[in-house]
């Protein structure tokens, strides 16, 4: 629940960055664009880490049966 809440908060940050980018004066558009890119990376990274953690706890064959660690 905590990770999904943080992903939702990061999504709100992206919406804020889009709003600032749309309303920013010409000189501030580069900063707003950088904020948008960084917030998007944060959202994608959050979902990527969450997916990896869910795969790590997912049932299935163990390392001893397959010879490899299931979350790699």
N, C-alpha and C. Protein backbone atom coordinates (compact mmCIF):
# COMPACT_ATOMS: atom_id res chain seq x y z
N UNK A 1 0.81 -1.21 0.00
CA UNK A 1 0.00 0.00 0.00
C UNK A 1 0.85 1.27 0.00
N UNK A 2 1.96 1.25 0.71
CA UNK A 2 2.79 2.44 0.78
C UNK A 2 3.39 2.77 -0.58
N UNK A 3 3.87 1.76 -1.29
CA UNK A 3 4.49 2.01 -2.60
C UNK A 3 3.45 2.48 -3.61
N UNK A 4 2.25 1.90 -3.58
CA UNK A 4 1.24 2.35 -4.53
C UNK A 4 0.79 3.77 -4.21
N UNK A 5 0.77 4.13 -2.93
CA UNK A 5 0.45 5.50 -2.55
C UNK A 5 1.50 6.48 -3.05
N UNK A 6 2.75 6.10 -2.96
CA UNK A 6 3.82 6.97 -3.45
C UNK A 6 3.78 7.09 -4.97
N UNK A 7 3.41 6.01 -5.66
CA UNK A 7 3.26 6.09 -7.12
C UNK A 7 2.13 7.05 -7.49
N UNK A 8 1.05 7.03 -6.71
CA UNK A 8 -0.05 7.96 -6.97
C UNK A 8 0.39 9.40 -6.72
N UNK A 9 1.16 9.61 -5.67
CA UNK A 9 1.67 10.96 -5.40
C UNK A 9 2.59 11.43 -6.52
N UNK A 10 3.39 10.53 -7.06
CA UNK A 10 4.26 10.89 -8.18
C UNK A 10 3.43 11.24 -9.41
N UNK A 11 2.31 10.56 -9.59
CA UNK A 11 1.42 10.90 -10.70
C UNK A 11 0.85 12.30 -10.56
N UNK A 12 0.53 12.69 -9.33
CA UNK A 12 0.05 14.05 -9.08
C UNK A 12 1.16 15.05 -9.39
N UNK A 13 2.40 14.68 -9.08
CA UNK A 13 3.54 15.55 -9.40
C UNK A 13 3.66 15.76 -10.91
N UNK A 14 3.42 14.71 -11.68
CA UNK A 14 3.47 14.83 -13.15
C UNK A 14 2.37 15.79 -13.62
N UNK A 15 1.18 15.66 -13.06
CA UNK A 15 0.09 16.56 -13.44
C UNK A 15 0.45 18.01 -13.10
N UNK A 16 1.06 18.21 -11.94
CA UNK A 16 1.51 19.55 -11.57
C UNK A 16 2.57 20.08 -12.51
N UNK A 17 3.50 19.22 -12.91
CA UNK A 17 4.55 19.64 -13.84
C UNK A 17 3.97 20.00 -15.21
N UNK A 18 2.97 19.26 -15.65
CA UNK A 18 2.31 19.58 -16.92
C UNK A 18 1.61 20.94 -16.82
N UNK A 19 0.94 21.17 -15.70
CA UNK A 19 0.24 22.44 -15.50
C UNK A 19 1.22 23.61 -15.49
N UNK A 20 2.33 23.44 -14.77
CA UNK A 20 3.34 24.51 -14.72
C UNK A 20 3.93 24.74 -16.11
N UNK A 21 4.19 23.65 -16.84
CA UNK A 21 4.76 23.79 -18.18
C UNK A 21 3.81 24.56 -19.10
N UNK A 22 2.52 24.29 -18.97
CA UNK A 22 1.54 24.95 -19.84
C UNK A 22 1.38 26.43 -19.51
N UNK A 23 1.59 26.80 -18.25
CA UNK A 23 1.35 28.18 -17.86
C UNK A 23 2.63 28.97 -17.59
N UNK A 24 3.77 28.36 -17.76
CA UNK A 24 5.04 29.03 -17.43
C UNK A 24 5.40 30.06 -18.49
N UNK A 25 6.06 31.13 -18.06
CA UNK A 25 6.59 32.07 -19.05
C UNK A 25 7.69 31.41 -19.88
N UNK A 26 8.04 32.03 -20.96
CA UNK A 26 8.97 31.40 -21.92
C UNK A 26 10.31 31.03 -21.28
N UNK A 27 10.83 31.84 -20.40
CA UNK A 27 12.12 31.55 -19.78
C UNK A 27 12.10 30.38 -18.82
N UNK A 28 10.94 30.10 -18.26
CA UNK A 28 10.83 29.03 -17.26
C UNK A 28 10.41 27.70 -17.87
N UNK A 29 10.15 27.68 -19.17
CA UNK A 29 9.69 26.43 -19.79
C UNK A 29 10.74 25.33 -19.74
N UNK A 30 12.02 25.69 -19.79
CA UNK A 30 13.05 24.65 -19.72
C UNK A 30 13.07 24.01 -18.33
N UNK A 31 12.88 24.82 -17.28
CA UNK A 31 12.82 24.25 -15.93
C UNK A 31 11.57 23.40 -15.76
N UNK A 32 10.45 23.86 -16.29
CA UNK A 32 9.21 23.10 -16.20
C UNK A 32 9.32 21.80 -17.00
N UNK A 33 9.97 21.85 -18.15
CA UNK A 33 10.18 20.64 -18.94
C UNK A 33 11.07 19.64 -18.22
N UNK A 34 12.12 20.14 -17.57
CA UNK A 34 12.99 19.25 -16.79
C UNK A 34 12.22 18.63 -15.63
N UNK A 35 11.36 19.41 -14.98
CA UNK A 35 10.54 18.87 -13.90
C UNK A 35 9.60 17.79 -14.41
N UNK A 36 9.05 18.01 -15.59
CA UNK A 36 8.15 17.02 -16.19
C UNK A 36 8.89 15.72 -16.50
N UNK A 37 10.07 15.82 -17.07
CA UNK A 37 10.85 14.63 -17.39
C UNK A 37 11.24 13.88 -16.12
N UNK A 38 11.72 14.59 -15.12
CA UNK A 38 12.15 13.93 -13.88
C UNK A 38 10.97 13.30 -13.14
N UNK A 39 9.82 13.97 -13.12
CA UNK A 39 8.65 13.40 -12.48
C UNK A 39 8.17 12.15 -13.22
N UNK A 40 8.26 12.16 -14.54
CA UNK A 40 7.87 10.98 -15.33
C UNK A 40 8.81 9.81 -15.06
N UNK A 41 10.10 10.09 -14.95
CA UNK A 41 11.06 9.04 -14.62
C UNK A 41 10.76 8.47 -13.24
N UNK A 42 10.37 9.33 -12.32
CA UNK A 42 10.03 8.88 -10.97
C UNK A 42 8.82 7.94 -10.99
N UNK A 43 7.81 8.26 -11.77
CA UNK A 43 6.62 7.41 -11.86
C UNK A 43 6.98 6.06 -12.47
N UNK A 44 7.69 6.08 -13.59
CA UNK A 44 8.06 4.83 -14.25
C UNK A 44 8.94 3.98 -13.34
N UNK A 45 9.90 4.60 -12.68
CA UNK A 45 10.76 3.87 -11.75
C UNK A 45 9.99 3.28 -10.59
N UNK A 46 9.00 4.01 -10.09
CA UNK A 46 8.19 3.48 -8.99
C UNK A 46 7.41 2.25 -9.39
N UNK A 47 6.81 2.28 -10.57
CA UNK A 47 6.09 1.10 -11.04
C UNK A 47 7.05 -0.05 -11.33
N UNK A 48 8.23 0.25 -11.83
CA UNK A 48 9.21 -0.79 -12.13
C UNK A 48 9.66 -1.48 -10.84
N UNK A 49 9.96 -0.71 -9.81
CA UNK A 49 10.38 -1.29 -8.53
C UNK A 49 9.25 -2.09 -7.90
N UNK A 50 8.02 -1.57 -7.97
CA UNK A 50 6.88 -2.29 -7.42
C UNK A 50 6.69 -3.62 -8.14
N UNK A 51 6.82 -3.61 -9.45
CA UNK A 51 6.65 -4.86 -10.22
C UNK A 51 7.73 -5.87 -9.85
N UNK A 52 8.95 -5.41 -9.68
CA UNK A 52 10.04 -6.32 -9.28
C UNK A 52 9.79 -6.92 -7.90
N UNK A 53 9.30 -6.10 -6.98
CA UNK A 53 9.03 -6.62 -5.64
C UNK A 53 7.90 -7.63 -5.66
N UNK A 54 6.87 -7.37 -6.46
CA UNK A 54 5.76 -8.32 -6.54
C UNK A 54 6.23 -9.64 -7.15
N UNK A 55 7.09 -9.57 -8.17
CA UNK A 55 7.64 -10.81 -8.74
C UNK A 55 8.48 -11.56 -7.73
N UNK A 56 9.18 -10.82 -6.87
CA UNK A 56 10.05 -11.45 -5.89
C UNK A 56 9.22 -12.26 -4.88
N UNK A 57 8.05 -11.77 -4.51
CA UNK A 57 7.22 -12.46 -3.53
C UNK A 57 6.21 -13.41 -4.16
N UNK A 58 6.15 -13.44 -5.47
CA UNK A 58 5.22 -14.32 -6.16
C UNK A 58 5.65 -15.77 -5.97
N UNK A 59 4.68 -16.64 -5.83
CA UNK A 59 4.99 -18.05 -5.68
C UNK A 59 5.50 -18.64 -6.98
N UNK A 60 5.90 -19.85 -6.91
CA UNK A 60 6.42 -20.51 -8.10
C UNK A 60 7.59 -21.39 -7.74
N UNK A 61 8.34 -21.75 -8.73
CA UNK A 61 9.49 -22.61 -8.48
C UNK A 61 10.56 -21.86 -7.72
N UNK A 62 11.20 -22.55 -6.84
CA UNK A 62 12.25 -21.96 -6.03
C UNK A 62 13.59 -22.09 -6.73
N UNK A 63 14.58 -21.42 -6.18
CA UNK A 63 15.92 -21.43 -6.76
C UNK A 63 16.48 -22.85 -6.84
N UNK A 64 16.18 -23.66 -5.83
CA UNK A 64 16.73 -25.01 -5.81
C UNK A 64 16.16 -25.86 -6.95
N UNK A 65 14.94 -25.54 -7.40
CA UNK A 65 14.31 -26.31 -8.47
C UNK A 65 14.77 -25.87 -9.86
N UNK A 66 15.01 -24.59 -10.04
CA UNK A 66 15.33 -24.08 -11.37
C UNK A 66 16.80 -23.73 -11.54
N UNK A 67 17.52 -23.52 -10.45
CA UNK A 67 18.92 -23.15 -10.53
C UNK A 67 19.14 -21.66 -10.69
N UNK A 68 18.08 -20.87 -10.71
CA UNK A 68 18.24 -19.42 -10.83
C UNK A 68 17.32 -18.74 -9.83
N UNK A 69 17.65 -17.52 -9.49
CA UNK A 69 16.84 -16.74 -8.56
C UNK A 69 15.67 -16.17 -9.35
N UNK A 70 14.41 -16.35 -8.89
CA UNK A 70 13.25 -15.97 -9.70
C UNK A 70 13.09 -14.49 -9.96
N UNK A 71 13.66 -13.61 -9.19
CA UNK A 71 13.45 -12.18 -9.38
C UNK A 71 14.55 -11.52 -10.17
N UNK A 72 15.43 -12.27 -10.78
CA UNK A 72 16.48 -11.66 -11.59
C UNK A 72 16.17 -11.82 -13.05
